[in-house]
Amino acid sequence: MQERTLISSGTVWEKTYGYSRAVRVGNVIAVAGTTAVDDTGAVVGKGNPGDQARFIFQKIERALVQAGSSLQDVVRVRTFITDISRWEEVARVQGDVFGDIRPAATLVQVSAFISPDLLVEIEVDAIV
């Protein structure tokens, strides 16, 4: 069996809910659904899905680096947004982040997240 490496961001919810920010098995890394919540528990970019997406991709990048990877290795992005009419604000940020990397991507509307201030959640898969 291949070694399993758990990447933690240190939030209380990781142990309570029983998940990791990211998991690496062999050359595959899965980054959990990530929202725009900072280290103090405050929501970043309230009311602005583009700002939330930018912050989320920064958190995802930190997790990838901890797992020995980078955004260059991302092959799949899944984006969940609460207001599909604002999809372009998120899509533009994703385009800025991934440029020529161009991973496979999905963007869907969901009814809500844990907090009404959260507008976007993103998860990625990477292969090193």
C-alpha atoms as a PDB file:
ATOM      1  CA  MET A   1       0.000   0.000   0.000  1.00  0.00           C
ATOM      2  CA  GLN A   2       1.242   3.480  -0.833  1.00  0.00           C
ATOM      3  CA  GLU A   3       2.018   5.964   1.902  1.00  0.00           C
ATOM      4  CA  ARG A   4      -0.855   8.284   2.828  1.00  0.00           C
ATOM      5  CA  THR A   5       0.102  11.834   3.825  1.00  0.00           C
ATOM      6  CA  LEU A   6      -2.477  14.048   5.545  1.00  0.00           C
ATOM      7  CA  ILE A   7      -2.161  17.819   5.168  1.00  0.00           C
ATOM      8  CA  SER A   8      -3.832  19.895   7.884  1.00  0.00           C
ATOM      9  CA  SER A   9      -4.603  23.577   8.014  1.00  0.00           C
ATOM     10  CA  GLY A  10      -5.111  23.323  11.777  1.00  0.00           C
ATOM     11  CA  THR A  11      -8.782  24.228  12.008  1.00  0.00           C
ATOM     12  CA  VAL A  12     -10.888  22.733  14.779  1.00  0.00           C
ATOM     13  CA  TRP A  13     -13.277  21.343  12.171  1.00  0.00           C
ATOM     14  CA  GLU A  14     -10.707  18.959  10.706  1.00  0.00           C
ATOM     15  CA  LYS A  15     -10.727  16.764  13.814  1.00  0.00           C
ATOM     16  CA  THR A  16     -14.392  17.370  14.636  1.00  0.00           C
ATOM     17  CA  TYR A  17     -15.612  16.559  11.121  1.00  0.00           C
ATOM     18  CA  GLY A  18     -12.871  14.014  10.455  1.00  0.00           C
ATOM     19  CA  TYR A  19     -11.215  15.379   7.326  1.00  0.00           C
ATOM     20  CA  SER A  20      -7.935  16.771   6.059  1.00  0.00           C
ATOM     21  CA  ARG A  21      -7.292  19.923   4.015  1.00  0.00           C
ATOM     22  CA  ALA A  22      -5.519  17.634   1.551  1.00  0.00           C
ATOM     23  CA  VAL A  23      -4.495  14.012   1.217  1.00  0.00           C
ATOM     24  CA  ARG A  24      -1.604  12.689  -0.835  1.00  0.00           C
ATOM     25  CA  VAL A  25      -1.352   9.040  -1.835  1.00  0.00           C
ATOM     26  CA  GLY A  26       1.531   8.315  -4.177  1.00  0.00           C
ATOM     27  CA  ASN A  27       1.530  10.994  -6.844  1.00  0.00           C
ATOM     28  CA  VAL A  28      -2.155  11.932  -6.393  1.00  0.00           C
ATOM     29  CA  ILE A  29      -3.276  14.837  -4.194  1.00  0.00           C
ATOM     30  CA  ALA A  30      -6.904  15.632  -3.365  1.00  0.00           C
ATOM     31  CA  VAL A  31      -7.617  19.027  -1.791  1.00  0.00           C
ATOM     32  CA  ALA A  32     -10.884  19.200   0.157  1.00  0.00           C
ATOM     33  CA  GLY A  33     -13.638  21.683  -0.540  1.00  0.00           C
ATOM     34  CA  THR A  34     -12.135  25.010   0.492  1.00  0.00           C
ATOM     35  CA  THR A  35     -13.963  28.207   1.462  1.00  0.00           C
ATOM     36  CA  ALA A  36     -12.867  31.778   2.084  1.00  0.00           C
ATOM     37  CA  VAL A  37     -12.397  31.452   5.830  1.00  0.00           C
ATOM     38  CA  ASP A  38      -9.126  32.728   7.282  1.00  0.00           C
ATOM     39  CA  ASP A  39      -7.091  31.354  10.191  1.00  0.00           C
ATOM     40  CA  THR A  40      -9.186  33.305  12.718  1.00  0.00           C
ATOM     41  CA  GLY A  41     -12.479  31.916  11.374  1.00  0.00           C
ATOM     42  CA  ALA A  42     -13.491  35.140   9.622  1.00  0.00           C
ATOM     43  CA  VAL A  43     -14.992  35.059   6.130  1.00  0.00           C
ATOM     44  CA  VAL A  44     -12.822  36.865   3.561  1.00  0.00           C
ATOM     45  CA  GLY A  45     -14.453  38.753   0.679  1.00  0.00           C
ATOM     46  CA  LYS A  46     -17.991  38.986   2.052  1.00  0.00           C
ATOM     47  CA  GLY A  47     -20.379  39.718  -0.788  1.00  0.00           C
ATOM     48  CA  ASN A  48     -17.732  39.215  -3.497  1.00  0.00           C
ATOM     49  CA  PRO A  49     -17.399  35.749  -5.062  1.00  0.00           C
ATOM     50  CA  GLY A  50     -14.330  36.798  -7.078  1.00  0.00           C
ATOM     51  CA  ASP A  51     -12.464  37.902  -3.957  1.00  0.00           C
ATOM     52  CA  GLN A  52     -13.504  34.713  -2.193  1.00  0.00           C
ATOM     53  CA  ALA A  53     -12.253  32.591  -5.109  1.00  0.00           C
ATOM     54  CA  ARG A  54      -8.897  34.416  -5.098  1.00  0.00           C
ATOM     55  CA  PHE A  55      -8.455  33.763  -1.371  1.00  0.00           C
ATOM     56  CA  ILE A  56      -9.538  30.120  -1.799  1.00  0.00           C
ATOM     57  CA  PHE A  57      -6.977  29.481  -4.539  1.00  0.00           C
ATOM     58  CA  GLN A  58      -4.282  30.906  -2.233  1.00  0.00           C
ATOM     59  CA  LYS A  59      -5.332  28.451   0.504  1.00  0.00           C
ATOM     60  CA  ILE A  60      -5.378  25.601  -2.006  1.00  0.00           C
ATOM     61  CA  GLU A  61      -1.919  26.544  -3.254  1.00  0.00           C
ATOM     62  CA  ARG A  62      -0.542  26.450   0.320  1.00  0.00           C
ATOM     63  CA  ALA A  63      -1.989  22.952   0.808  1.00  0.00           C
ATOM     64  CA  LEU A  64      -0.522  21.768  -2.501  1.00  0.00           C
ATOM     65  CA  VAL A  65       2.919  23.110  -1.567  1.00  0.00           C
ATOM     66  CA  GLN A  66       2.723  21.325   1.810  1.00  0.00           C
ATOM     67  CA  ALA A  67       1.941  18.139  -0.125  1.00  0.00           C
ATOM     68  CA  GLY A  68       4.992  18.624  -2.374  1.00  0.00           C
ATOM     69  CA  SER A  69       3.076  19.951  -5.353  1.00  0.00           C
ATOM     70  CA  SER A  70       1.920  23.196  -6.969  1.00  0.00           C
ATOM     71  CA  LEU A  71      -0.914  24.658  -8.992  1.00  0.00           C
ATOM     72  CA  GLN A  72       0.956  23.427 -12.098  1.00  0.00           C
ATOM     73  CA  ASP A  73      -0.001  19.860 -11.127  1.00  0.00           C
ATOM     74  CA  VAL A  74      -3.764  20.475 -10.869  1.00  0.00           C
ATOM     75  CA  VAL A  75      -5.785  18.321 -13.266  1.00  0.00           C
ATOM     76  CA  ARG A  76      -9.330  18.882 -11.951  1.00  0.00           C
ATOM     77  CA  VAL A  77     -11.156  21.844 -10.369  1.00  0.00           C
ATOM     78  CA  ARG A  78     -14.661  21.672  -8.930  1.00  0.00           C
ATOM     79  CA  THR A  79     -16.288  24.990  -8.076  1.00  0.00           C
ATOM     80  CA  PHE A  80     -19.532  25.401  -6.181  1.00  0.00           C
ATOM     81  CA  ILE A  81     -21.244  28.805  -6.115  1.00  0.00           C
ATOM     82  CA  THR A  82     -24.474  29.964  -4.472  1.00  0.00           C
ATOM     83  CA  ASP A  83     -25.461  32.437  -7.238  1.00  0.00           C
ATOM     84  CA  ILE A  84     -24.798  31.160 -10.754  1.00  0.00           C
ATOM     85  CA  SER A  85     -25.515  34.617 -12.196  1.00  0.00           C
ATOM     86  CA  ARG A  86     -22.125  35.657 -10.743  1.00  0.00           C
ATOM     87  CA  TRP A  87     -20.166  32.752 -12.256  1.00  0.00           C
ATOM     88  CA  GLU A  88     -17.992  35.004 -14.427  1.00  0.00           C
ATOM     89  CA  GLU A  89     -16.469  36.714 -11.385  1.00  0.00           C
ATOM     90  CA  VAL A  90     -15.193  33.331 -10.205  1.00  0.00           C
ATOM     91  CA  ALA A  91     -14.291  32.087 -13.691  1.00  0.00           C
ATOM     92  CA  ARG A  92     -12.073  35.115 -14.337  1.00  0.00           C
ATOM     93  CA  VAL A  93     -10.103  34.444 -11.154  1.00  0.00           C
ATOM     94  CA  GLN A  94      -9.728  30.784 -12.080  1.00  0.00           C
ATOM     95  CA  GLY A  95      -8.495  31.847 -15.516  1.00  0.00           C
ATOM     96  CA  ASP A  96      -5.911  34.122 -13.890  1.00  0.00           C
ATOM     97  CA  VAL A  97      -4.756  31.334 -11.565  1.00  0.00           C
ATOM     98  CA  PHE A  98      -4.521  28.543 -14.113  1.00  0.00           C
ATOM     99  CA  GLY A  99      -3.767  30.348 -17.403  1.00  0.00           C
ATOM    100  CA  ASP A 100      -2.144  27.766 -19.666  1.00  0.00           C
ATOM    101  CA  ILE A 101      -2.455  24.923 -17.122  1.00  0.00           C
ATOM    102  CA  ARG A 102      -6.139  24.579 -18.052  1.00  0.00           C
ATOM    103  CA  PRO A 103      -7.290  21.712 -15.804  1.00  0.00           C
ATOM    104  CA  ALA A 104     -10.629  19.989 -16.347  1.00  0.00           C
ATOM    105  CA  ALA A 105     -13.236  22.065 -14.537  1.00  0.00           C
ATOM    106  CA  THR A 106     -16.785  21.960 -13.262  1.00  0.00           C
ATOM    107  CA  LEU A 107     -18.810  24.901 -11.941  1.00  0.00           C
ATOM    108  CA  VAL A 108     -22.251  24.347 -10.412  1.00  0.00           C
ATOM    109  CA  GLN A 109     -24.729  26.265  -8.307  1.00  0.00           C
ATOM    110  CA  VAL A 110     -25.610  24.984  -4.849  1.00  0.00           C
ATOM    111  CA  SER A 111     -28.360  26.223  -2.552  1.00  0.00           C
ATOM    112  CA  ALA A 112     -26.205  27.214   0.431  1.00  0.00           C
ATOM    113  CA  PHE A 113     -23.077  26.679   2.515  1.00  0.00           C
ATOM    114  CA  ILE A 114     -22.679  26.545   6.297  1.00  0.00           C
ATOM    115  CA  SER A 115     -22.614  30.368   6.486  1.00  0.00           C
ATOM    116  CA  PRO A 116     -24.640  32.684   4.235  1.00  0.00           C
ATOM    117  CA  ASP A 117     -21.474  34.818   3.903  1.00  0.00           C
ATOM    118  CA  LEU A 118     -19.769  31.966   2.033  1.00  0.00           C
ATOM    119  CA  LEU A 119     -20.457  32.273  -1.699  1.00  0.00           C
ATOM    120  CA  VAL A 120     -17.887  29.878  -3.196  1.00  0.00           C
ATOM    121  CA  GLU A 121     -16.293  26.539  -2.378  1.00  0.00           C
ATOM    122  CA  ILE A 122     -13.545  24.990  -4.514  1.00  0.00           C
ATOM    123  CA  GLU A 123     -11.800  21.619  -4.493  1.00  0.00           C
ATOM    124  CA  VAL A 124      -8.971  20.380  -6.686  1.00  0.00           C
ATOM    125  CA  ASP A 125      -7.150  17.196  -7.612  1.00  0.00           C
ATOM    126  CA  ALA A 126      -3.495  17.202  -8.603  1.00  0.00           C
ATOM    127  CA  ILE A 127      -1.109  14.611 -10.028  1.00  0.00           C
ATOM    128  CA  VAL A 128       2.582  15.157  -9.366  1.00  0.00           C
END
